[in-house]
N, C-alpha and C. Protein backbone atom coordinates (compact mmCIF):
# COMPACT_ATOMS: atom_id res chain seq x y z
N UNK A 1 -12.54 14.87 13.26
CA UNK A 1 -12.34 13.74 12.30
C UNK A 1 -12.46 12.36 12.98
N UNK A 2 -11.87 12.20 14.17
CA UNK A 2 -11.79 10.92 14.80
C UNK A 2 -13.00 10.77 15.76
N UNK A 3 -14.11 11.46 15.42
CA UNK A 3 -15.30 11.38 16.28
C UNK A 3 -15.88 9.99 16.22
N UNK A 4 -15.34 9.11 17.05
CA UNK A 4 -15.85 7.73 17.20
C UNK A 4 -15.89 6.97 15.84
N UNK A 5 -14.78 7.04 15.10
CA UNK A 5 -14.69 6.26 13.82
C UNK A 5 -14.94 4.83 14.02
N UNK A 6 -14.55 4.31 15.17
CA UNK A 6 -14.71 2.88 15.46
C UNK A 6 -16.17 2.52 15.51
N UNK A 7 -17.02 3.50 15.80
CA UNK A 7 -18.49 3.22 15.95
C UNK A 7 -19.19 3.28 14.60
N UNK A 8 -18.57 3.84 13.59
CA UNK A 8 -19.26 3.99 12.30
C UNK A 8 -19.45 2.67 11.58
N UNK A 9 -20.53 2.47 10.88
CA UNK A 9 -20.69 1.35 9.98
C UNK A 9 -19.55 1.40 8.98
N UNK A 10 -19.11 0.27 8.55
CA UNK A 10 -17.95 0.12 7.60
C UNK A 10 -18.21 1.01 6.37
N UNK A 11 -19.35 0.91 5.75
CA UNK A 11 -19.62 1.67 4.50
C UNK A 11 -19.54 3.13 4.71
N UNK A 12 -19.98 3.60 5.90
CA UNK A 12 -19.96 5.06 6.20
C UNK A 12 -18.51 5.51 6.43
N UNK A 13 -17.72 4.68 7.11
CA UNK A 13 -16.30 4.96 7.30
C UNK A 13 -15.59 5.12 5.92
N UNK A 14 -15.78 4.19 5.04
CA UNK A 14 -15.18 4.21 3.71
C UNK A 14 -15.68 5.47 2.92
N UNK A 15 -16.96 5.74 3.06
CA UNK A 15 -17.48 6.97 2.40
C UNK A 15 -16.79 8.22 2.91
N UNK A 16 -16.59 8.30 4.21
CA UNK A 16 -15.91 9.47 4.76
C UNK A 16 -14.44 9.54 4.26
N UNK A 17 -13.73 8.39 4.21
CA UNK A 17 -12.40 8.35 3.69
C UNK A 17 -12.35 8.94 2.30
N UNK A 18 -13.23 8.47 1.43
CA UNK A 18 -13.25 8.85 0.05
C UNK A 18 -13.66 10.34 -0.18
N UNK A 19 -14.28 10.93 0.84
CA UNK A 19 -14.67 12.33 0.82
C UNK A 19 -13.73 13.25 1.59
N UNK A 20 -12.65 12.63 2.12
CA UNK A 20 -11.73 13.43 2.97
C UNK A 20 -11.08 14.61 2.25
N UNK A 21 -10.99 15.70 2.99
CA UNK A 21 -10.37 16.91 2.45
C UNK A 21 -9.35 17.53 3.43
N UNK A 22 -8.90 16.77 4.41
CA UNK A 22 -8.04 17.35 5.45
C UNK A 22 -6.81 17.98 4.94
N UNK A 23 -6.30 17.53 3.75
CA UNK A 23 -5.05 18.11 3.20
C UNK A 23 -5.30 18.98 2.00
N UNK A 24 -6.52 19.36 1.81
CA UNK A 24 -6.88 20.02 0.53
C UNK A 24 -6.10 21.23 0.21
N UNK A 25 -5.73 22.03 1.21
CA UNK A 25 -4.99 23.25 1.00
C UNK A 25 -3.47 23.12 0.60
N UNK A 26 -3.03 21.87 0.71
CA UNK A 26 -1.59 21.61 0.36
C UNK A 26 -1.40 20.60 -0.73
N UNK A 27 -2.52 20.05 -1.24
CA UNK A 27 -2.41 19.08 -2.37
C UNK A 27 -2.42 19.87 -3.73
N UNK A 28 -1.42 19.60 -4.59
CA UNK A 28 -1.34 20.39 -5.86
C UNK A 28 -2.43 20.17 -6.81
N UNK A 29 -3.01 18.95 -6.77
CA UNK A 29 -4.16 18.66 -7.71
C UNK A 29 -5.47 18.51 -6.91
N UNK A 30 -5.46 18.83 -5.66
CA UNK A 30 -6.68 18.75 -4.85
C UNK A 30 -6.82 17.33 -4.31
N UNK A 31 -7.80 17.17 -3.38
CA UNK A 31 -8.00 15.81 -2.79
C UNK A 31 -8.67 14.86 -3.75
N UNK A 32 -8.16 13.63 -3.74
CA UNK A 32 -8.85 12.54 -4.47
C UNK A 32 -8.28 11.23 -3.80
N UNK A 33 -8.85 10.90 -2.60
CA UNK A 33 -8.38 9.67 -1.96
C UNK A 33 -8.62 8.44 -2.83
N UNK A 34 -7.55 7.64 -3.00
CA UNK A 34 -7.62 6.45 -3.82
C UNK A 34 -7.33 5.28 -2.93
N UNK A 35 -8.42 4.55 -2.62
CA UNK A 35 -8.26 3.37 -1.76
C UNK A 35 -9.18 2.25 -2.30
N UNK A 36 -8.91 1.04 -1.94
CA UNK A 36 -9.68 -0.14 -2.34
C UNK A 36 -9.78 -1.04 -1.15
N UNK A 37 -10.98 -1.43 -0.77
CA UNK A 37 -11.09 -2.36 0.34
C UNK A 37 -12.57 -2.82 0.49
N UNK A 38 -12.66 -4.02 1.10
CA UNK A 38 -13.95 -4.54 1.52
C UNK A 38 -13.65 -5.34 2.80
N UNK A 39 -14.69 -5.66 3.52
CA UNK A 39 -14.55 -6.44 4.76
C UNK A 39 -14.01 -7.85 4.40
N UNK A 40 -14.20 -8.33 3.20
CA UNK A 40 -13.78 -9.67 2.81
C UNK A 40 -12.35 -9.72 2.26
N UNK A 41 -11.65 -8.59 2.07
CA UNK A 41 -10.31 -8.57 1.50
C UNK A 41 -9.45 -9.54 2.21
N UNK A 42 -8.61 -10.21 1.40
CA UNK A 42 -7.67 -11.28 1.99
C UNK A 42 -6.24 -10.81 2.07
N UNK A 43 -5.88 -9.90 1.16
CA UNK A 43 -4.45 -9.38 1.12
C UNK A 43 -4.57 -7.91 1.20
N UNK A 44 -3.69 -7.33 2.00
CA UNK A 44 -3.63 -5.85 2.17
C UNK A 44 -2.29 -5.39 1.52
N UNK A 45 -2.41 -4.48 0.57
CA UNK A 45 -1.30 -3.88 -0.06
C UNK A 45 -1.13 -2.41 0.46
N UNK A 46 0.02 -2.19 1.11
CA UNK A 46 0.28 -0.89 1.76
C UNK A 46 1.41 -0.21 0.93
N UNK A 47 1.05 0.78 0.12
CA UNK A 47 2.06 1.55 -0.59
C UNK A 47 2.34 2.88 0.08
N UNK A 48 2.92 3.81 -0.72
CA UNK A 48 3.31 5.10 -0.22
C UNK A 48 2.17 6.07 -0.40
N UNK A 49 1.90 6.57 -1.64
CA UNK A 49 0.83 7.48 -1.94
C UNK A 49 0.62 7.39 -3.38
N UNK A 50 -0.62 7.75 -3.87
CA UNK A 50 -0.87 7.68 -5.32
C UNK A 50 0.07 8.61 -6.11
N UNK A 51 0.48 8.19 -7.27
CA UNK A 51 1.16 9.05 -8.23
C UNK A 51 0.22 9.88 -9.01
N UNK A 52 0.73 10.68 -9.93
CA UNK A 52 -0.13 11.57 -10.76
C UNK A 52 -1.12 10.71 -11.63
N UNK A 53 -0.60 9.69 -12.25
CA UNK A 53 -1.45 8.84 -13.11
C UNK A 53 -2.58 8.19 -12.26
N UNK A 54 -2.25 7.71 -11.09
CA UNK A 54 -3.28 7.12 -10.23
C UNK A 54 -4.32 8.19 -9.82
N UNK A 55 -3.79 9.38 -9.52
CA UNK A 55 -4.72 10.44 -9.18
C UNK A 55 -5.71 10.72 -10.33
N UNK A 56 -5.15 10.74 -11.56
CA UNK A 56 -6.02 11.04 -12.68
C UNK A 56 -7.05 9.97 -12.97
N UNK A 57 -6.68 8.69 -12.78
CA UNK A 57 -7.58 7.55 -13.07
C UNK A 57 -8.43 7.11 -11.98
N UNK A 58 -7.96 7.39 -10.69
CA UNK A 58 -8.65 6.89 -9.50
C UNK A 58 -8.48 5.43 -9.27
N UNK A 59 -7.51 4.78 -9.93
CA UNK A 59 -7.29 3.34 -9.83
C UNK A 59 -5.91 3.12 -9.23
N UNK A 60 -5.79 2.51 -8.05
CA UNK A 60 -4.49 2.35 -7.34
C UNK A 60 -3.54 1.48 -8.17
N UNK A 61 -2.26 1.82 -8.17
CA UNK A 61 -1.23 1.10 -8.83
C UNK A 61 -1.55 0.92 -10.32
N UNK A 62 -2.16 1.90 -10.95
CA UNK A 62 -2.45 1.89 -12.37
C UNK A 62 -1.34 2.56 -13.15
N UNK A 63 -0.12 1.90 -13.04
CA UNK A 63 1.06 2.50 -13.60
C UNK A 63 2.14 1.41 -13.71
N UNK A 64 3.33 1.72 -14.17
CA UNK A 64 4.34 0.71 -14.28
C UNK A 64 4.67 -0.01 -12.94
N UNK A 65 4.59 0.77 -11.83
CA UNK A 65 4.82 0.19 -10.55
C UNK A 65 3.81 -0.97 -10.29
N UNK A 66 2.53 -0.72 -10.61
CA UNK A 66 1.50 -1.71 -10.47
C UNK A 66 1.71 -2.92 -11.37
N UNK A 67 2.19 -2.70 -12.57
CA UNK A 67 2.48 -3.82 -13.47
C UNK A 67 3.53 -4.74 -12.81
N UNK A 68 4.58 -4.21 -12.28
CA UNK A 68 5.60 -4.99 -11.66
C UNK A 68 5.10 -5.67 -10.41
N UNK A 69 4.27 -4.95 -9.57
CA UNK A 69 3.75 -5.54 -8.38
C UNK A 69 2.86 -6.71 -8.68
N UNK A 70 2.00 -6.60 -9.73
CA UNK A 70 1.11 -7.74 -10.07
C UNK A 70 1.98 -8.91 -10.58
N UNK A 71 3.07 -8.62 -11.30
CA UNK A 71 3.93 -9.64 -11.73
C UNK A 71 4.58 -10.35 -10.55
N UNK A 72 5.07 -9.60 -9.59
CA UNK A 72 5.64 -10.17 -8.38
C UNK A 72 4.64 -11.06 -7.68
N UNK A 73 3.37 -10.56 -7.60
CA UNK A 73 2.35 -11.36 -6.88
C UNK A 73 1.84 -12.55 -7.69
N UNK A 74 2.08 -12.47 -9.01
CA UNK A 74 1.58 -13.57 -9.84
C UNK A 74 0.09 -13.53 -10.07
N UNK A 75 -0.50 -12.35 -10.15
CA UNK A 75 -1.97 -12.25 -10.30
C UNK A 75 -2.33 -11.32 -11.48
N UNK A 76 -3.54 -11.43 -11.98
CA UNK A 76 -4.01 -10.61 -13.08
C UNK A 76 -4.49 -9.29 -12.53
N UNK A 77 -4.71 -8.36 -13.47
CA UNK A 77 -5.31 -7.04 -13.11
C UNK A 77 -6.71 -7.31 -12.52
N UNK A 78 -7.48 -8.27 -13.09
CA UNK A 78 -8.80 -8.53 -12.58
C UNK A 78 -8.83 -8.94 -11.13
N UNK A 79 -7.92 -9.81 -10.76
CA UNK A 79 -7.84 -10.23 -9.34
C UNK A 79 -7.33 -9.08 -8.46
N UNK A 80 -6.34 -8.32 -9.00
CA UNK A 80 -5.78 -7.25 -8.26
C UNK A 80 -6.80 -6.21 -7.87
N UNK A 81 -7.69 -5.90 -8.78
CA UNK A 81 -8.71 -4.85 -8.58
C UNK A 81 -10.05 -5.41 -8.07
N UNK A 82 -10.04 -6.61 -7.55
CA UNK A 82 -11.21 -7.20 -6.89
C UNK A 82 -11.11 -6.94 -5.39
N UNK A 83 -11.89 -6.02 -4.89
CA UNK A 83 -11.78 -5.63 -3.50
C UNK A 83 -12.15 -6.71 -2.49
N UNK A 84 -12.79 -7.81 -2.98
CA UNK A 84 -13.02 -8.97 -2.16
C UNK A 84 -11.73 -9.74 -1.93
N UNK A 85 -10.73 -9.51 -2.75
CA UNK A 85 -9.49 -10.20 -2.66
C UNK A 85 -8.39 -9.32 -2.08
N UNK A 86 -8.28 -8.08 -2.61
CA UNK A 86 -7.22 -7.17 -2.20
C UNK A 86 -7.78 -5.85 -1.65
N UNK A 87 -7.26 -5.48 -0.51
CA UNK A 87 -7.37 -4.11 -0.05
C UNK A 87 -6.10 -3.35 -0.36
N UNK A 88 -6.26 -2.10 -0.79
CA UNK A 88 -5.12 -1.29 -1.09
C UNK A 88 -5.27 0.01 -0.32
N UNK A 89 -4.41 0.19 0.70
CA UNK A 89 -4.42 1.37 1.54
C UNK A 89 -3.04 2.00 1.65
N UNK A 90 -2.78 2.95 0.80
CA UNK A 90 -1.42 3.58 0.89
C UNK A 90 -1.35 4.38 2.17
N UNK A 91 -0.15 4.80 2.51
CA UNK A 91 0.10 5.56 3.68
C UNK A 91 -0.51 7.00 3.56
N UNK A 92 -0.58 7.50 2.39
CA UNK A 92 -1.31 8.67 2.10
C UNK A 92 -2.32 8.38 0.97
N UNK A 93 -3.52 8.82 1.13
CA UNK A 93 -4.50 8.39 0.15
C UNK A 93 -4.58 9.30 -1.08
N UNK A 94 -3.92 10.48 -1.06
CA UNK A 94 -4.01 11.42 -2.15
C UNK A 94 -2.64 11.71 -2.73
N UNK A 95 -2.61 12.16 -3.98
CA UNK A 95 -1.30 12.47 -4.65
C UNK A 95 -0.69 13.68 -3.96
N UNK A 96 0.54 13.53 -3.40
CA UNK A 96 1.10 14.63 -2.59
C UNK A 96 1.85 15.68 -3.46
N UNK A 97 2.07 15.42 -4.74
CA UNK A 97 2.84 16.31 -5.56
C UNK A 97 4.25 15.71 -5.82
N UNK A 98 4.97 16.50 -6.63
CA UNK A 98 6.32 15.96 -7.03
C UNK A 98 7.38 16.91 -6.48
N UNK A 99 8.50 16.29 -6.02
CA UNK A 99 9.69 16.99 -5.56
C UNK A 99 10.83 16.86 -6.50
N UNK A 100 12.04 17.15 -6.04
CA UNK A 100 13.24 17.07 -6.88
C UNK A 100 13.53 15.68 -7.38
N UNK A 101 13.24 14.67 -6.55
CA UNK A 101 13.69 13.30 -6.95
C UNK A 101 12.51 12.34 -7.07
N UNK A 102 11.36 12.89 -7.44
CA UNK A 102 10.20 12.02 -7.57
C UNK A 102 8.99 12.57 -6.77
N UNK A 103 8.03 11.73 -6.54
CA UNK A 103 6.86 12.19 -5.81
C UNK A 103 7.20 12.49 -4.35
N UNK A 104 6.54 13.45 -3.78
CA UNK A 104 6.74 13.78 -2.38
C UNK A 104 6.25 12.68 -1.43
N UNK A 105 6.68 12.70 -0.21
CA UNK A 105 6.26 11.70 0.75
C UNK A 105 4.74 11.77 1.01
N UNK A 106 4.09 10.73 1.46
CA UNK A 106 2.70 10.77 1.81
C UNK A 106 2.46 11.92 2.82
N UNK A 107 1.34 12.53 2.66
CA UNK A 107 0.96 13.60 3.68
C UNK A 107 0.88 13.02 5.07
N UNK A 108 1.44 13.72 6.08
CA UNK A 108 1.50 13.14 7.39
C UNK A 108 0.16 13.12 8.16
N UNK A 109 -0.87 13.85 7.60
CA UNK A 109 -2.20 13.92 8.27
C UNK A 109 -3.00 12.68 8.07
N UNK A 110 -2.71 11.98 6.99
CA UNK A 110 -3.62 10.95 6.54
C UNK A 110 -3.63 9.71 7.46
N UNK A 111 -2.50 9.14 7.68
CA UNK A 111 -2.43 7.90 8.49
C UNK A 111 -3.04 8.02 9.90
N UNK A 112 -2.68 9.13 10.66
CA UNK A 112 -3.25 9.27 11.97
C UNK A 112 -4.77 9.43 11.92
N UNK A 113 -5.24 10.09 10.88
CA UNK A 113 -6.70 10.29 10.80
C UNK A 113 -7.50 9.05 10.54
N UNK A 114 -7.01 8.15 9.74
CA UNK A 114 -7.89 7.06 9.24
C UNK A 114 -7.37 5.63 9.43
N UNK A 115 -6.04 5.48 9.51
CA UNK A 115 -5.47 4.13 9.36
C UNK A 115 -5.94 3.11 10.38
N UNK A 116 -5.90 3.42 11.64
CA UNK A 116 -6.31 2.48 12.65
C UNK A 116 -7.77 2.02 12.48
N UNK A 117 -8.66 2.95 12.25
CA UNK A 117 -10.08 2.65 12.12
C UNK A 117 -10.32 1.68 10.95
N UNK A 118 -9.55 1.92 9.84
CA UNK A 118 -9.71 1.06 8.62
C UNK A 118 -9.14 -0.30 8.87
N UNK A 119 -7.92 -0.34 9.45
CA UNK A 119 -7.21 -1.63 9.64
C UNK A 119 -8.02 -2.56 10.62
N UNK A 120 -8.66 -1.89 11.60
CA UNK A 120 -9.43 -2.71 12.53
C UNK A 120 -10.59 -3.45 11.85
N UNK A 121 -11.08 -2.92 10.75
CA UNK A 121 -12.21 -3.55 10.02
C UNK A 121 -11.78 -4.64 9.06
N UNK A 122 -10.47 -4.77 8.80
CA UNK A 122 -9.99 -5.74 7.82
C UNK A 122 -9.59 -6.99 8.55
N UNK A 123 -10.59 -7.77 9.05
CA UNK A 123 -10.30 -8.93 9.91
C UNK A 123 -9.97 -10.19 9.09
N UNK A 124 -10.08 -10.18 7.80
CA UNK A 124 -9.79 -11.39 7.04
C UNK A 124 -8.45 -11.38 6.34
N UNK A 125 -7.62 -10.37 6.63
CA UNK A 125 -6.32 -10.21 5.96
C UNK A 125 -5.41 -11.37 6.40
N UNK A 126 -4.87 -12.07 5.39
CA UNK A 126 -3.91 -13.14 5.68
C UNK A 126 -2.49 -12.76 5.35
N UNK A 127 -2.31 -11.69 4.57
CA UNK A 127 -0.96 -11.26 4.16
C UNK A 127 -1.01 -9.74 3.89
N UNK A 128 -0.04 -9.05 4.50
CA UNK A 128 0.11 -7.59 4.30
C UNK A 128 1.40 -7.37 3.54
N UNK A 129 1.35 -6.74 2.40
CA UNK A 129 2.49 -6.36 1.63
C UNK A 129 2.85 -4.89 2.04
N UNK A 130 4.05 -4.71 2.61
CA UNK A 130 4.45 -3.39 3.18
C UNK A 130 5.51 -2.88 2.25
N UNK A 131 5.15 -1.83 1.46
CA UNK A 131 5.95 -1.41 0.30
C UNK A 131 6.57 0.01 0.59
N UNK A 132 7.92 0.01 0.68
CA UNK A 132 8.60 1.29 0.77
C UNK A 132 8.76 1.80 2.22
N UNK A 133 9.62 2.82 2.36
CA UNK A 133 10.06 3.26 3.69
C UNK A 133 8.92 3.77 4.57
N UNK A 134 7.98 4.52 4.03
CA UNK A 134 6.96 5.08 4.95
C UNK A 134 5.99 4.01 5.47
N UNK A 135 5.69 3.05 4.60
CA UNK A 135 4.92 1.88 5.02
C UNK A 135 5.65 1.05 6.02
N UNK A 136 6.96 0.83 5.78
CA UNK A 136 7.74 0.07 6.72
C UNK A 136 7.70 0.74 8.15
N UNK A 137 7.93 1.99 8.15
CA UNK A 137 7.94 2.78 9.43
C UNK A 137 6.72 2.58 10.24
N UNK A 138 5.56 2.53 9.57
CA UNK A 138 4.27 2.40 10.25
C UNK A 138 3.94 0.96 10.60
N UNK A 139 4.13 0.05 9.71
CA UNK A 139 3.64 -1.35 9.88
C UNK A 139 4.62 -2.34 10.46
N UNK A 140 5.89 -1.97 10.57
CA UNK A 140 6.86 -2.86 11.09
C UNK A 140 7.41 -2.34 12.42
N UNK A 141 6.93 -2.86 13.53
CA UNK A 141 7.22 -2.24 14.78
C UNK A 141 8.78 -2.19 15.15
N UNK A 142 9.47 -3.17 14.64
CA UNK A 142 10.90 -3.23 14.87
C UNK A 142 11.70 -2.88 13.58
N UNK A 143 11.16 -2.05 12.75
CA UNK A 143 11.78 -1.70 11.47
C UNK A 143 13.19 -1.21 11.68
N UNK A 144 14.06 -1.63 10.77
CA UNK A 144 15.45 -1.16 10.72
C UNK A 144 15.44 0.21 10.03
N UNK A 145 16.60 0.80 9.88
CA UNK A 145 16.70 2.13 9.32
C UNK A 145 16.48 2.17 7.80
N UNK A 146 16.82 1.07 7.15
CA UNK A 146 16.73 1.10 5.71
C UNK A 146 15.77 0.03 5.18
N UNK A 147 15.18 0.37 4.02
CA UNK A 147 14.31 -0.60 3.36
C UNK A 147 15.02 -1.90 3.05
N UNK A 148 16.31 -1.77 2.62
CA UNK A 148 17.09 -2.94 2.25
C UNK A 148 17.22 -3.89 3.50
N UNK A 149 17.51 -3.36 4.71
CA UNK A 149 17.59 -4.14 5.92
C UNK A 149 16.28 -4.83 6.23
N UNK A 150 15.21 -4.13 6.10
CA UNK A 150 13.86 -4.72 6.38
C UNK A 150 13.52 -5.86 5.38
N UNK A 151 13.82 -5.60 4.09
CA UNK A 151 13.51 -6.57 3.10
C UNK A 151 14.45 -7.81 3.26
N UNK A 152 15.72 -7.57 3.62
CA UNK A 152 16.62 -8.68 3.82
C UNK A 152 16.15 -9.56 4.99
N UNK A 153 15.49 -8.95 5.99
CA UNK A 153 15.00 -9.71 7.15
C UNK A 153 13.53 -10.12 6.99
N UNK A 154 13.12 -10.31 5.74
CA UNK A 154 11.69 -10.62 5.48
C UNK A 154 11.18 -11.86 6.19
N UNK A 155 12.06 -12.83 6.45
CA UNK A 155 11.62 -14.06 7.08
C UNK A 155 11.11 -13.81 8.51
N UNK A 156 11.58 -12.71 9.10
CA UNK A 156 11.15 -12.39 10.50
C UNK A 156 9.65 -12.05 10.55
N UNK A 157 9.08 -11.64 9.48
CA UNK A 157 7.67 -11.22 9.39
C UNK A 157 6.80 -12.23 8.69
N UNK A 158 7.31 -13.09 7.93
CA UNK A 158 6.65 -14.07 7.11
C UNK A 158 5.95 -15.08 7.94
N UNK A 159 4.75 -15.59 7.60
CA UNK A 159 4.05 -15.44 6.35
C UNK A 159 2.89 -14.37 6.39
N UNK A 160 2.82 -13.68 7.49
CA UNK A 160 1.70 -12.73 7.60
C UNK A 160 2.01 -11.33 6.96
N UNK A 161 3.25 -10.95 7.02
CA UNK A 161 3.66 -9.64 6.52
C UNK A 161 4.89 -9.85 5.62
N UNK A 162 5.02 -9.05 4.57
CA UNK A 162 6.21 -9.06 3.75
C UNK A 162 6.65 -7.64 3.48
N UNK A 163 7.83 -7.21 4.08
CA UNK A 163 8.43 -5.97 3.73
C UNK A 163 8.95 -6.03 2.29
N UNK A 164 8.66 -5.02 1.51
CA UNK A 164 9.05 -5.07 0.10
C UNK A 164 9.71 -3.73 -0.31
N UNK A 165 10.57 -3.79 -1.35
CA UNK A 165 10.99 -2.53 -1.97
C UNK A 165 9.86 -2.02 -2.82
N UNK A 166 9.93 -0.77 -3.18
CA UNK A 166 8.90 -0.26 -4.03
C UNK A 166 9.12 -0.81 -5.48
N UNK A 167 8.01 -1.22 -6.15
CA UNK A 167 8.15 -1.82 -7.49
C UNK A 167 8.36 -0.78 -8.60
N UNK A 168 8.56 0.47 -8.22
CA UNK A 168 8.79 1.55 -9.28
C UNK A 168 9.97 1.27 -10.13
N UNK A 169 9.89 1.67 -11.38
CA UNK A 169 11.10 1.58 -12.27
C UNK A 169 12.28 2.39 -11.71
N UNK A 170 12.03 3.35 -10.79
CA UNK A 170 13.11 4.07 -10.15
C UNK A 170 13.95 3.13 -9.29
N UNK A 171 13.39 1.94 -8.96
CA UNK A 171 14.12 0.99 -8.10
C UNK A 171 14.86 -0.07 -8.92
N UNK A 172 14.97 0.13 -10.24
CA UNK A 172 15.67 -0.89 -11.08
C UNK A 172 17.11 -1.15 -10.55
N UNK A 173 17.78 -0.10 -10.14
CA UNK A 173 19.16 -0.27 -9.67
C UNK A 173 19.18 -1.15 -8.37
N UNK A 174 18.25 -0.88 -7.46
CA UNK A 174 18.13 -1.72 -6.22
C UNK A 174 17.93 -3.16 -6.59
N UNK A 175 17.06 -3.45 -7.54
CA UNK A 175 16.74 -4.82 -7.93
C UNK A 175 17.93 -5.46 -8.58
N UNK A 176 18.71 -4.72 -9.33
CA UNK A 176 19.95 -5.28 -9.95
C UNK A 176 20.94 -5.62 -8.86
N UNK A 177 21.04 -4.76 -7.84
CA UNK A 177 21.97 -5.00 -6.76
C UNK A 177 21.53 -6.08 -5.76
N UNK A 178 20.24 -6.37 -5.77
CA UNK A 178 19.66 -7.34 -4.88
C UNK A 178 18.83 -8.37 -5.62
N UNK A 179 19.52 -9.16 -6.50
CA UNK A 179 18.76 -10.10 -7.36
C UNK A 179 18.03 -11.20 -6.53
N UNK A 180 18.51 -11.41 -5.31
CA UNK A 180 17.91 -12.43 -4.42
C UNK A 180 16.45 -12.16 -4.17
N UNK A 181 16.05 -10.88 -4.23
CA UNK A 181 14.66 -10.59 -3.95
C UNK A 181 13.71 -11.26 -4.94
N UNK A 182 13.99 -11.11 -6.25
CA UNK A 182 13.14 -11.72 -7.23
C UNK A 182 13.43 -13.20 -7.36
N UNK A 183 14.62 -13.67 -7.02
CA UNK A 183 14.93 -15.10 -7.13
C UNK A 183 14.35 -15.91 -6.00
N UNK A 184 14.44 -15.33 -4.74
CA UNK A 184 14.05 -16.12 -3.59
C UNK A 184 12.67 -15.70 -2.98
N UNK A 185 12.47 -14.40 -2.90
CA UNK A 185 11.27 -13.90 -2.18
C UNK A 185 10.03 -13.96 -3.08
N UNK A 186 10.17 -13.57 -4.32
CA UNK A 186 8.98 -13.45 -5.24
C UNK A 186 8.34 -14.83 -5.38
N UNK A 187 9.07 -15.94 -5.59
CA UNK A 187 8.35 -17.24 -5.64
C UNK A 187 7.57 -17.57 -4.41
N UNK A 188 8.09 -17.20 -3.22
CA UNK A 188 7.40 -17.48 -1.94
C UNK A 188 6.14 -16.63 -1.90
N UNK A 189 6.28 -15.37 -2.33
CA UNK A 189 5.14 -14.49 -2.37
C UNK A 189 4.01 -15.02 -3.29
N UNK A 190 4.41 -15.48 -4.45
CA UNK A 190 3.41 -15.98 -5.38
C UNK A 190 2.67 -17.20 -4.83
N UNK A 191 3.38 -18.05 -4.16
CA UNK A 191 2.73 -19.22 -3.54
C UNK A 191 1.77 -18.80 -2.41
N UNK A 192 2.19 -17.87 -1.67
CA UNK A 192 1.35 -17.36 -0.54
C UNK A 192 0.10 -16.72 -1.06
N UNK A 193 0.27 -15.86 -2.10
CA UNK A 193 -0.90 -15.17 -2.69
C UNK A 193 -1.89 -16.19 -3.29
N UNK A 194 -1.35 -17.19 -4.01
CA UNK A 194 -2.22 -18.19 -4.61
C UNK A 194 -2.99 -18.98 -3.51
N UNK A 195 -2.34 -19.23 -2.42
CA UNK A 195 -3.01 -20.01 -1.34
C UNK A 195 -4.13 -19.17 -0.71
N UNK A 196 -3.98 -17.86 -0.62
CA UNK A 196 -4.94 -17.00 0.00
C UNK A 196 -6.15 -16.72 -0.94
N UNK A 197 -5.89 -16.61 -2.24
CA UNK A 197 -6.95 -16.26 -3.19
C UNK A 197 -7.59 -17.48 -3.79
């Protein structure tokens, strides 16, 4: 898989990612990598893994989580799905299935196989939104143990990186307990997004 990925032309690398089957035997609905990127992308959105609805439509964050994320960012669906503006690279590119308390974690094979080669090509990124615990663990070298601690310390990473809670409706309780996120952080995020786009 990693046969000189760094040497591949960008378009060929993306084609291989979209054709990836390394987890095929453990994916409940089969492989369907869902990513969005171009060399010109200005903002990188790093989520966990596609949900069932995203798997079915092939459109990242095409669900209530995406609606809230776009609201937090202060952008339209049109801008969100413009790969010249936003790259979307979850920690796992395919729907991993459902467990007892929601979707399963991203498959562990995905990030080591593709992530470095893709990130190296995204040289115009001015802001990376790091969403949820698996993204925090990979993208924040000094990440704390909890998402709440990382998000609380958001200023340590700003303005290039923003650790975020997941925008899922499952996180409504977290948002009620941490109203400062939407009161203090979201306005800063919206200004930064507007300045980059």
